[in-house]
């Protein structure tokens, strides 16, 4: 009787519907930057989660992004050297001394 119950449970467990699992691999994170940023934020805030394969893949996807060129329309001021001019110091009563 016990052997029959065990084999029945085994058959039910193996014959059940497969549960879909999201693939959080490196190409997935590279293709979905918002999901990637959220996963990195969660991984950096939780040490236990940081030890999972998903977090390792998110970290590796971040490493692969390093060194990629920025898009052409990154910013209108991209590449310009900022001005180092200081505003004039106030004089007289405006000084507040």
PDB file of N, CA and C in Angstrom:
ATOM      1  N   UNK A   1       0.818  -1.193   0.000  1.00  0.00           N
ATOM      2  CA  UNK A   1       0.000   0.000   0.000  1.00  0.00           C
ATOM      3  C   UNK A   1       0.866   1.263   0.000  1.00  0.00           C
ATOM      4  N   UNK A   2       1.925   1.245   0.822  1.00  0.00           N
ATOM      5  CA  UNK A   2       2.786   2.418   0.899  1.00  0.00           C
ATOM      6  C   UNK A   2       3.527   2.607  -0.418  1.00  0.00           C
ATOM      7  N   UNK A   3       3.975   1.530  -1.019  1.00  0.00           N
ATOM      8  CA  UNK A   3       4.681   1.630  -2.290  1.00  0.00           C
ATOM      9  C   UNK A   3       3.777   2.157  -3.390  1.00  0.00           C
ATOM     10  N   UNK A   4       2.497   1.757  -3.370  1.00  0.00           N
ATOM     11  CA  UNK A   4       1.540   2.231  -4.374  1.00  0.00           C
ATOM     12  C   UNK A   4       1.265   3.718  -4.219  1.00  0.00           C
ATOM     13  N   UNK A   5       1.170   4.176  -2.958  1.00  0.00           N
ATOM     14  CA  UNK A   5       0.921   5.598  -2.707  1.00  0.00           C
ATOM     15  C   UNK A   5       2.121   6.434  -3.147  1.00  0.00           C
ATOM     16  N   UNK A   6       3.312   5.926  -2.887  1.00  0.00           N
ATOM     17  CA  UNK A   6       4.514   6.659  -3.275  1.00  0.00           C
ATOM     18  C   UNK A   6       4.615   6.761  -4.793  1.00  0.00           C
ATOM     19  N   UNK A   7       4.311   5.660  -5.482  1.00  0.00           N
ATOM     20  CA  UNK A   7       4.389   5.707  -6.945  1.00  0.00           C
ATOM     21  C   UNK A   7       3.294   6.601  -7.522  1.00  0.00           C
ATOM     22  N   UNK A   8       2.115   6.644  -6.863  1.00  0.00           N
ATOM     23  CA  UNK A   8       1.040   7.524  -7.311  1.00  0.00           C
ATOM     24  C   UNK A   8       1.451   8.990  -7.151  1.00  0.00           C
ATOM     25  N   UNK A   9       2.050   9.326  -6.019  1.00  0.00           N
ATOM     26  CA  UNK A   9       2.514  10.697  -5.797  1.00  0.00           C
ATOM     27  C   UNK A   9       3.608  11.074  -6.795  1.00  0.00           C
ATOM     28  N   UNK A  10       4.481  10.142  -7.074  1.00  0.00           N
ATOM     29  CA  UNK A  10       5.544  10.393  -8.042  1.00  0.00           C
ATOM     30  C   UNK A  10       4.960  10.624  -9.433  1.00  0.00           C
ATOM     31  N   UNK A  11       3.979   9.819  -9.812  1.00  0.00           N
ATOM     32  CA  UNK A  11       3.352   9.963 -11.126  1.00  0.00           C
ATOM     33  C   UNK A  11       2.610  11.293 -11.227  1.00  0.00           C
ATOM     34  N   UNK A  12       1.929  11.691 -10.160  1.00  0.00           N
ATOM     35  CA  UNK A  12       1.219  12.970 -10.177  1.00  0.00           C
ATOM     36  C   UNK A  12       2.197  14.141 -10.255  1.00  0.00           C
ATOM     37  N   UNK A  13       3.299  14.016  -9.549  1.00  0.00           N
ATOM     38  CA  UNK A  13       4.294  15.087  -9.567  1.00  0.00           C
ATOM     39  C   UNK A  13       4.960  15.235 -10.915  1.00  0.00           C
ATOM     40  N   UNK A  14       5.231  14.134 -11.580  1.00  0.00           N
ATOM     41  CA  UNK A  14       5.891  14.189 -12.881  1.00  0.00           C
ATOM     42  C   UNK A  14       4.922  14.515 -14.009  1.00  0.00           C
ATOM     43  N   UNK A  15       3.647  14.203 -13.817  1.00  0.00           N
ATOM     44  CA  UNK A  15       2.673  14.417 -14.877  1.00  0.00           C
ATOM     45  C   UNK A  15       1.992  15.764 -14.812  1.00  0.00           C
ATOM     46  N   UNK A  16       2.337  16.600 -13.832  1.00  0.00           N
ATOM     47  CA  UNK A  16       1.701  17.909 -13.700  1.00  0.00           C
ATOM     48  C   UNK A  16       2.133  18.855 -14.803  1.00  0.00           C
ATOM     49  N   UNK A  17       1.394  19.932 -14.921  1.00  0.00           N
ATOM     50  CA  UNK A  17       1.718  20.934 -15.938  1.00  0.00           C
ATOM     51  C   UNK A  17       3.018  21.642 -15.577  1.00  0.00           C
ATOM     52  N   UNK A  18       3.795  21.932 -16.580  1.00  0.00           N
ATOM     53  CA  UNK A  18       5.060  22.632 -16.355  1.00  0.00           C
ATOM     54  C   UNK A  18       4.773  24.096 -16.057  1.00  0.00           C
ATOM     55  N   UNK A  19       5.430  24.615 -15.055  1.00  0.00           N
ATOM     56  CA  UNK A  19       5.260  26.010 -14.672  1.00  0.00           C
ATOM     57  C   UNK A  19       6.263  26.836 -15.470  1.00  0.00           C
ATOM     58  N   UNK A  20       5.789  27.861 -16.178  1.00  0.00           N
ATOM     59  CA  UNK A  20       6.741  28.686 -16.931  1.00  0.00           C
ATOM     60  C   UNK A  20       7.632  29.487 -15.991  1.00  0.00           C
ATOM     61  N   UNK A  21       8.897  29.543 -16.311  1.00  0.00           N
ATOM     62  CA  UNK A  21       9.873  30.268 -15.500  1.00  0.00           C
ATOM     63  C   UNK A  21      10.517  31.330 -16.383  1.00  0.00           C
ATOM     64  N   UNK A  22      10.595  32.544 -15.861  1.00  0.00           N
ATOM     65  CA  UNK A  22      11.219  33.623 -16.627  1.00  0.00           C
ATOM     66  C   UNK A  22      12.719  33.392 -16.700  1.00  0.00           C
ATOM     67  N   UNK A  23      13.284  33.597 -17.859  1.00  0.00           N
ATOM     68  CA  UNK A  23      14.725  33.449 -18.042  1.00  0.00           C
ATOM     69  C   UNK A  23      15.391  34.791 -17.770  1.00  0.00           C
ATOM     70  N   UNK A  24      16.038  34.895 -16.635  1.00  0.00           N
ATOM     71  CA  UNK A  24      16.758  36.118 -16.290  1.00  0.00           C
ATOM     72  C   UNK A  24      18.236  35.904 -16.578  1.00  0.00           C
ATOM     73  N   UNK A  25      18.542  35.694 -17.855  1.00  0.00           N
ATOM     74  CA  UNK A  25      19.936  35.510 -18.229  1.00  0.00           C
ATOM     75  C   UNK A  25      20.515  36.843 -18.709  1.00  0.00           C
ATOM     76  N   UNK A  26      21.771  36.837 -19.044  1.00  0.00           N
ATOM     77  CA  UNK A  26      22.470  38.075 -19.392  1.00  0.00           C
ATOM     78  C   UNK A  26      21.845  38.758 -20.614  1.00  0.00           C
ATOM     79  N   UNK A  27      21.539  38.051 -21.706  1.00  0.00           N
ATOM     80  CA  UNK A  27      20.901  38.732 -22.840  1.00  0.00           C
ATOM     81  C   UNK A  27      19.542  39.339 -22.489  1.00  0.00           C
ATOM     82  N   UNK A  28      18.803  38.695 -21.577  1.00  0.00           N
ATOM     83  CA  UNK A  28      17.512  39.253 -21.152  1.00  0.00           C
ATOM     84  C   UNK A  28      17.715  40.608 -20.485  1.00  0.00           C
ATOM     85  N   UNK A  29      18.688  40.694 -19.583  1.00  0.00           N
ATOM     86  CA  UNK A  29      18.939  41.956 -18.894  1.00  0.00           C
ATOM     87  C   UNK A  29      19.470  43.017 -19.857  1.00  0.00           C
ATOM     88  N   UNK A  30      20.268  42.621 -20.833  1.00  0.00           N
ATOM     89  CA  UNK A  30      20.774  43.579 -21.814  1.00  0.00           C
ATOM     90  C   UNK A  30      19.641  44.126 -22.684  1.00  0.00           C
ATOM     91  N   UNK A  31      18.638  43.302 -22.950  1.00  0.00           N
ATOM     92  CA  UNK A  31      17.516  43.728 -23.785  1.00  0.00           C
ATOM     93  C   UNK A  31      16.471  44.521 -23.004  1.00  0.00           C
ATOM     94  N   UNK A  32      16.470  44.422 -21.671  1.00  0.00           N
ATOM     95  CA  UNK A  32      15.470  45.087 -20.831  1.00  0.00           C
ATOM     96  C   UNK A  32      16.157  45.928 -19.768  1.00  0.00           C
ATOM     97  N   UNK A  33      16.602  47.137 -20.105  1.00  0.00           N
ATOM     98  CA  UNK A  33      17.380  47.937 -19.152  1.00  0.00           C
ATOM     99  C   UNK A  33      16.618  48.327 -17.891  1.00  0.00           C
ATOM    100  N   UNK A  34      15.311  48.551 -17.977  1.00  0.00           N
ATOM    101  CA  UNK A  34      14.552  48.928 -16.773  1.00  0.00           C
ATOM    102  C   UNK A  34      14.478  47.767 -15.790  1.00  0.00           C
ATOM    103  N   UNK A  35      14.243  46.567 -16.319  1.00  0.00           N
ATOM    104  CA  UNK A  35      14.221  45.374 -15.461  1.00  0.00           C
ATOM    105  C   UNK A  35      15.605  45.157 -14.865  1.00  0.00           C
ATOM    106  N   UNK A  36      16.628  45.393 -15.670  1.00  0.00           N
ATOM    107  CA  UNK A  36      18.009  45.229 -15.218  1.00  0.00           C
ATOM    108  C   UNK A  36      18.316  46.168 -14.056  1.00  0.00           C
ATOM    109  N   UNK A  37      17.957  47.444 -14.189  1.00  0.00           N
ATOM    110  CA  UNK A  37      18.216  48.414 -13.122  1.00  0.00           C
ATOM    111  C   UNK A  37      17.467  48.057 -11.847  1.00  0.00           C
ATOM    112  N   UNK A  38      16.213  47.621 -11.988  1.00  0.00           N
ATOM    113  CA  UNK A  38      15.416  47.242 -10.817  1.00  0.00           C
ATOM    114  C   UNK A  38      16.027  46.024 -10.127  1.00  0.00           C
ATOM    115  N   UNK A  39      16.461  45.045 -10.908  1.00  0.00           N
ATOM    116  CA  UNK A  39      17.061  43.843 -10.320  1.00  0.00           C
ATOM    117  C   UNK A  39      18.359  44.185  -9.605  1.00  0.00           C
ATOM    118  N   UNK A  40      19.181  45.046 -10.193  1.00  0.00           N
ATOM    119  CA  UNK A  40      20.423  45.449  -9.533  1.00  0.00           C
ATOM    120  C   UNK A  40      20.135  46.167  -8.218  1.00  0.00           C
ATOM    121  N   UNK A  41      19.119  47.033  -8.222  1.00  0.00           N
ATOM    122  CA  UNK A  41      18.758  47.745  -6.995  1.00  0.00           C
ATOM    123  C   UNK A  41      18.343  46.750  -5.911  1.00  0.00           C
ATOM    124  N   UNK A  42      17.519  45.774  -6.293  1.00  0.00           N
ATOM    125  CA  UNK A  42      17.073  44.774  -5.319  1.00  0.00           C
ATOM    126  C   UNK A  42      18.246  43.918  -4.836  1.00  0.00           C
ATOM    127  N   UNK A  43      19.123  43.543  -5.748  1.00  0.00           N
ATOM    128  CA  UNK A  43      20.272  42.704  -5.383  1.00  0.00           C
ATOM    129  C   UNK A  43      21.221  43.439  -4.442  1.00  0.00           C
ATOM    130  N   UNK A  44      21.414  44.726  -4.654  1.00  0.00           N
ATOM    131  CA  UNK A  44      22.329  45.493  -3.809  1.00  0.00           C
ATOM    132  C   UNK A  44      21.744  45.773  -2.436  1.00  0.00           C
ATOM    133  N   UNK A  45      20.427  45.664  -2.295  1.00  0.00           N
ATOM    134  CA  UNK A  45      19.780  45.910  -1.005  1.00  0.00           C
ATOM    135  C   UNK A  45      19.544  44.641  -0.197  1.00  0.00           C
ATOM    136  N   UNK A  46      19.737  43.469  -0.777  1.00  0.00           N
ATOM    137  CA  UNK A  46      19.441  42.211  -0.087  1.00  0.00           C
ATOM    138  C   UNK A  46      20.581  41.223  -0.333  1.00  0.00           C
ATOM    139  N   UNK A  47      21.315  40.905   0.727  1.00  0.00           N
ATOM    140  CA  UNK A  47      22.487  40.021   0.565  1.00  0.00           C
ATOM    141  C   UNK A  47      22.106  38.614   0.144  1.00  0.00           C
ATOM    142  N   UNK A  48      20.991  38.109   0.654  1.00  0.00           N
ATOM    143  CA  UNK A  48      20.584  36.762   0.274  1.00  0.00           C
ATOM    144  C   UNK A  48      20.220  36.696  -1.199  1.00  0.00           C
ATOM    145  N   UNK A  49      19.501  37.709  -1.651  1.00  0.00           N
ATOM    146  CA  UNK A  49      19.130  37.760  -3.062  1.00  0.00           C
ATOM    147  C   UNK A  49      20.367  37.935  -3.935  1.00  0.00           C
ATOM    148  N   UNK A  50      21.363  38.641  -3.428  1.00  0.00           N
ATOM    149  CA  UNK A  50      22.581  38.894  -4.201  1.00  0.00           C
ATOM    150  C   UNK A  50      23.336  37.610  -4.524  1.00  0.00           C
ATOM    151  N   UNK A  51      23.092  36.548  -3.776  1.00  0.00           N
ATOM    152  CA  UNK A  51      23.798  35.283  -4.007  1.00  0.00           C
ATOM    153  C   UNK A  51      23.103  34.403  -5.043  1.00  0.00           C
ATOM    154  N   UNK A  52      21.983  34.866  -5.611  1.00  0.00           N
ATOM    155  CA  UNK A  52      21.260  34.054  -6.585  1.00  0.00           C
ATOM    156  C   UNK A  52      21.863  34.211  -7.980  1.00  0.00           C
ATOM    157  N   UNK A  53      21.518  33.270  -8.843  1.00  0.00           N
ATOM    158  CA  UNK A  53      22.015  33.314 -10.216  1.00  0.00           C
ATOM    159  C   UNK A  53      21.470  34.520 -10.977  1.00  0.00           C
ATOM    160  N   UNK A  54      20.230  34.923 -10.658  1.00  0.00           N
ATOM    161  CA  UNK A  54      19.656  36.086 -11.340  1.00  0.00           C
ATOM    162  C   UNK A  54      20.484  37.332 -11.069  1.00  0.00           C
ATOM    163  N   UNK A  55      20.908  37.514  -9.805  1.00  0.00           N
ATOM    164  CA  UNK A  55      21.710  38.687  -9.468  1.00  0.00           C
ATOM    165  C   UNK A  55      23.093  38.612 -10.110  1.00  0.00           C
ATOM    166  N   UNK A  56      23.663  37.431 -10.151  1.00  0.00           N
ATOM    167  CA  UNK A  56      24.954  37.280 -10.824  1.00  0.00           C
ATOM    168  C   UNK A  56      24.828  37.634 -12.305  1.00  0.00           C
ATOM    169  N   UNK A  57      23.737  37.201 -12.931  1.00  0.00           N
ATOM    170  CA  UNK A  57      23.525  37.532 -14.340  1.00  0.00           C
ATOM    171  C   UNK A  57      23.316  39.030 -14.527  1.00  0.00           C
ATOM    172  N   UNK A  58      22.597  39.666 -13.592  1.00  0.00           N
ATOM    173  CA  UNK A  58      22.384  41.113 -13.685  1.00  0.00           C
ATOM    174  C   UNK A  58      23.715  41.850 -13.557  1.00  0.00           C
ATOM    175  N   UNK A  59      24.563  41.409 -12.640  1.00  0.00           N
ATOM    176  CA  UNK A  59      25.878  42.042 -12.476  1.00  0.00           C
ATOM    177  C   UNK A  59      26.726  41.860 -13.738  1.00  0.00           C
ATOM    178  N   UNK A  60      26.688  40.670 -14.306  1.00  0.00           N
ATOM    179  CA  UNK A  60      27.478  40.411 -15.517  1.00  0.00           C
ATOM    180  C   UNK A  60      26.949  41.210 -16.703  1.00  0.00           C
ATOM    181  N   UNK A  61      25.630  41.387 -16.766  1.00  0.00           N
ATOM    182  CA  UNK A  61      25.062  42.214 -17.834  1.00  0.00           C
ATOM    183  C   UNK A  61      25.524  43.656 -17.675  1.00  0.00           C
ATOM    184  N   UNK A  62      25.613  44.126 -16.431  1.00  0.00           N
ATOM    185  CA  UNK A  62      26.114  45.475 -16.189  1.00  0.00           C
ATOM    186  C   UNK A  62      27.561  45.615 -16.612  1.00  0.00           C
ATOM    187  N   UNK A  63      28.350  44.579 -16.380  1.00  0.00           N
ATOM    188  CA  UNK A  63      29.752  44.601 -16.787  1.00  0.00           C
ATOM    189  C   UNK A  63      29.870  44.638 -18.307  1.00  0.00           C
ATOM    190  N   UNK A  64      29.001  43.933 -18.996  1.00  0.00           N
ATOM    191  CA  UNK A  64      29.043  43.942 -20.464  1.00  0.00           C
ATOM    192  C   UNK A  64      28.661  45.302 -21.030  1.00  0.00           C
ATOM    193  N   UNK A  65      27.831  46.047 -20.301  1.00  0.00           N
ATOM    194  CA  UNK A  65      27.418  47.369 -20.787  1.00  0.00           C
ATOM    195  C   UNK A  65      28.544  48.384 -20.687  1.00  0.00           C
ATOM    196  N   UNK A  66      29.502  48.144 -19.805  1.00  0.00           N
ATOM    197  CA  UNK A  66      30.613  49.080 -19.656  1.00  0.00           C
ATOM    198  C   UNK A  66      31.406  49.082 -20.958  1.00  0.00           C
ATOM    199  N   UNK A  67      31.741  50.246 -21.424  1.00  0.00           N
ATOM    200  CA  UNK A  67      32.535  50.357 -22.630  1.00  0.00           C
ATOM    201  C   UNK A  67      31.735  50.498 -23.899  1.00  0.00           C
ATOM    202  N   UNK A  68      30.425  50.370 -23.813  1.00  0.00           N
ATOM    203  CA  UNK A  68      29.619  50.596 -25.006  1.00  0.00           C
ATOM    204  C   UNK A  68      29.551  52.087 -25.282  1.00  0.00           C
ATOM    205  N   UNK A  69      29.590  52.480 -26.530  1.00  0.00           N
ATOM    206  CA  UNK A  69      29.514  53.912 -26.833  1.00  0.00           C
ATOM    207  C   UNK A  69      28.148  54.477 -26.471  1.00  0.00           C
ATOM    208  N   UNK A  70      28.150  55.736 -26.072  1.00  0.00           N
ATOM    209  CA  UNK A  70      26.902  56.411 -25.756  1.00  0.00           C
ATOM    210  C   UNK A  70      26.154  56.718 -27.045  1.00  0.00           C
ATOM    211  N   UNK A  71      24.836  56.841 -26.962  1.00  0.00           N
ATOM    212  CA  UNK A  71      24.088  57.184 -28.169  1.00  0.00           C
ATOM    213  C   UNK A  71      24.459  58.570 -28.681  1.00  0.00           C
ATOM    214  N   UNK A  72      24.240  58.804 -29.958  1.00  0.00           N
ATOM    215  CA  UNK A  72      24.627  60.075 -30.571  1.00  0.00           C
ATOM    216  C   UNK A  72      23.903  61.252 -29.935  1.00  0.00           C
ATOM    217  N   UNK A  73      22.684  61.069 -29.528  1.00  0.00           N
ATOM    218  CA  UNK A  73      21.913  62.162 -28.950  1.00  0.00           C
ATOM    219  C   UNK A  73      21.968  62.133 -27.421  1.00  0.00           C
ATOM    220  N   UNK A  74      23.123  61.801 -26.875  1.00  0.00           N
ATOM    221  CA  UNK A  74      23.267  61.670 -25.420  1.00  0.00           C
ATOM    222  C   UNK A  74      22.921  62.967 -24.712  1.00  0.00           C
ATOM    223  N   UNK A  75      23.328  64.076 -25.249  1.00  0.00           N
ATOM    224  CA  UNK A  75      23.021  65.366 -24.646  1.00  0.00           C
ATOM    225  C   UNK A  75      23.581  66.479 -25.506  1.00  0.00           C
ATOM    226  N   UNK A  76      22.890  67.608 -25.494  1.00  0.00           N
ATOM    227  CA  UNK A  76      23.343  68.693 -26.364  1.00  0.00           C
ATOM    228  C   UNK A  76      24.679  69.257 -25.913  1.00  0.00           C
ATOM    229  N   UNK A  77      25.009  69.148 -24.614  1.00  0.00           N
ATOM    230  CA  UNK A  77      26.260  69.693 -24.099  1.00  0.00           C
ATOM    231  C   UNK A  77      27.343  68.629 -23.962  1.00  0.00           C
ATOM    232  N   UNK A  78      27.107  67.441 -24.502  1.00  0.00           N
ATOM    233  CA  UNK A  78      28.067  66.360 -24.363  1.00  0.00           C
ATOM    234  C   UNK A  78      29.363  66.728 -25.076  1.00  0.00           C
ATOM    235  N   UNK A  79      30.472  66.633 -24.377  1.00  0.00           N
ATOM    236  CA  UNK A  79      31.774  66.911 -24.950  1.00  0.00           C
ATOM    237  C   UNK A  79      32.249  68.333 -24.753  1.00  0.00           C
ATOM    238  N   UNK A  80      31.361  69.217 -24.313  1.00  0.00           N
ATOM    239  CA  UNK A  80      31.766  70.602 -24.074  1.00  0.00           C
ATOM    240  C   UNK A  80      32.399  70.713 -22.694  1.00  0.00           C
ATOM    241  N   UNK A  81      33.412  71.525 -22.586  1.00  0.00           N
ATOM    242  CA  UNK A  81      34.070  71.750 -21.302  1.00  0.00           C
ATOM    243  C   UNK A  81      33.279  72.817 -20.549  1.00  0.00           C
ATOM    244  N   UNK A  82      32.880  72.533 -19.301  1.00  0.00           N
ATOM    245  CA  UNK A  82      32.095  73.518 -18.558  1.00  0.00           C
ATOM    246  C   UNK A  82      32.925  74.754 -18.228  1.00  0.00           C
ATOM    247  N   UNK A  83      32.253  75.862 -18.096  1.00  0.00           N
ATOM    248  CA  UNK A  83      32.910  77.125 -17.782  1.00  0.00           C
ATOM    249  C   UNK A  83      33.434  77.091 -16.351  1.00  0.00           C
ATOM    250  N   UNK A  84      34.620  77.654 -16.145  1.00  0.00           N
ATOM    251  CA  UNK A  84      35.197  77.703 -14.797  1.00  0.00           C
ATOM    252  C   UNK A  84      35.124  79.103 -14.213  1.00  0.00           C
ATOM    253  N   UNK A  85      34.433  80.007 -14.889  1.00  0.00           N
ATOM    254  CA  UNK A  85      34.314  81.375 -14.397  1.00  0.00           C
ATOM    255  C   UNK A  85      33.474  81.395 -13.129  1.00  0.00           C
ATOM    256  N   UNK A  86      33.958  82.106 -12.141  1.00  0.00           N
ATOM    257  CA  UNK A  86      33.224  82.278 -10.891  1.00  0.00           C
ATOM    258  C   UNK A  86      32.397  83.553 -10.979  1.00  0.00           C
ATOM    259  N   UNK A  87      31.216  83.576 -10.359  1.00  0.00           N
ATOM    260  CA  UNK A  87      30.451  84.818 -10.357  1.00  0.00           C
ATOM    261  C   UNK A  87      31.190  85.869  -9.534  1.00  0.00           C
ATOM    262  N   UNK A  88      31.014  87.152  -9.866  1.00  0.00           N
ATOM    263  CA  UNK A  88      31.719  88.195  -9.115  1.00  0.00           C
ATOM    264  C   UNK A  88      31.261  88.226  -7.660  1.00  0.00           C
ATOM    265  N   UNK A  89      32.208  88.541  -6.781  1.00  0.00           N
ATOM    266  CA  UNK A  89      31.885  88.629  -5.356  1.00  0.00           C
ATOM    267  C   UNK A  89      31.112  89.913  -5.085  1.00  0.00           C
ATOM    268  N   UNK A  90      30.141  89.850  -4.177  1.00  0.00           N
ATOM    269  CA  UNK A  90      29.395  91.061  -3.845  1.00  0.00           C
ATOM    270  C   UNK A  90      30.286  92.068  -3.127  1.00  0.00           C
ATOM    271  N   UNK A  91      29.952  93.348  -3.280  1.00  0.00           N
ATOM    272  CA  UNK A  91      30.741  94.415  -2.667  1.00  0.00           C
ATOM    273  C   UNK A  91      29.858  95.246  -1.748  1.00  0.00           C
ATOM    274  N   UNK A  92      30.499  95.917  -0.845  1.00  0.00           N
ATOM    275  CA  UNK A  92      29.805  96.851   0.031  1.00  0.00           C
ATOM    276  C   UNK A  92      28.802  96.163   0.941  1.00  0.00           C
ATOM    277  N   UNK A  93      27.608  96.744   1.028  1.00  0.00           N
ATOM    278  CA  UNK A  93      26.574  96.230   1.927  1.00  0.00           C
ATOM    279  C   UNK A  93      26.057  94.868   1.479  1.00  0.00           C
ATOM    280  N   UNK A  94      26.170  94.552   0.206  1.00  0.00           N
ATOM    281  CA  UNK A  94      25.703  93.265  -0.317  1.00  0.00           C
ATOM    282  C   UNK A  94      26.550  92.101   0.185  1.00  0.00           C
ATOM    283  N   UNK A  95      27.739  92.399   0.690  1.00  0.00           N
ATOM    284  CA  UNK A  95      28.654  91.366   1.154  1.00  0.00           C
ATOM    285  C   UNK A  95      28.120  90.622   2.358  1.00  0.00           C
ATOM    286  N   UNK A  96      27.357  91.262   3.194  1.00  0.00           N
ATOM    287  CA  UNK A  96      26.796  90.613   4.372  1.00  0.00           C
ATOM    288  C   UNK A  96      27.766  90.484   5.515  1.00  0.00           C
ATOM    289  N   UNK A  97      28.854  91.225   5.507  1.00  0.00           N
ATOM    290  CA  UNK A  97      29.841  91.103   6.570  1.00  0.00           C
ATOM    291  C   UNK A  97      29.551  92.005   7.721  1.00  0.00           C
TER     292      UNK A  97
END
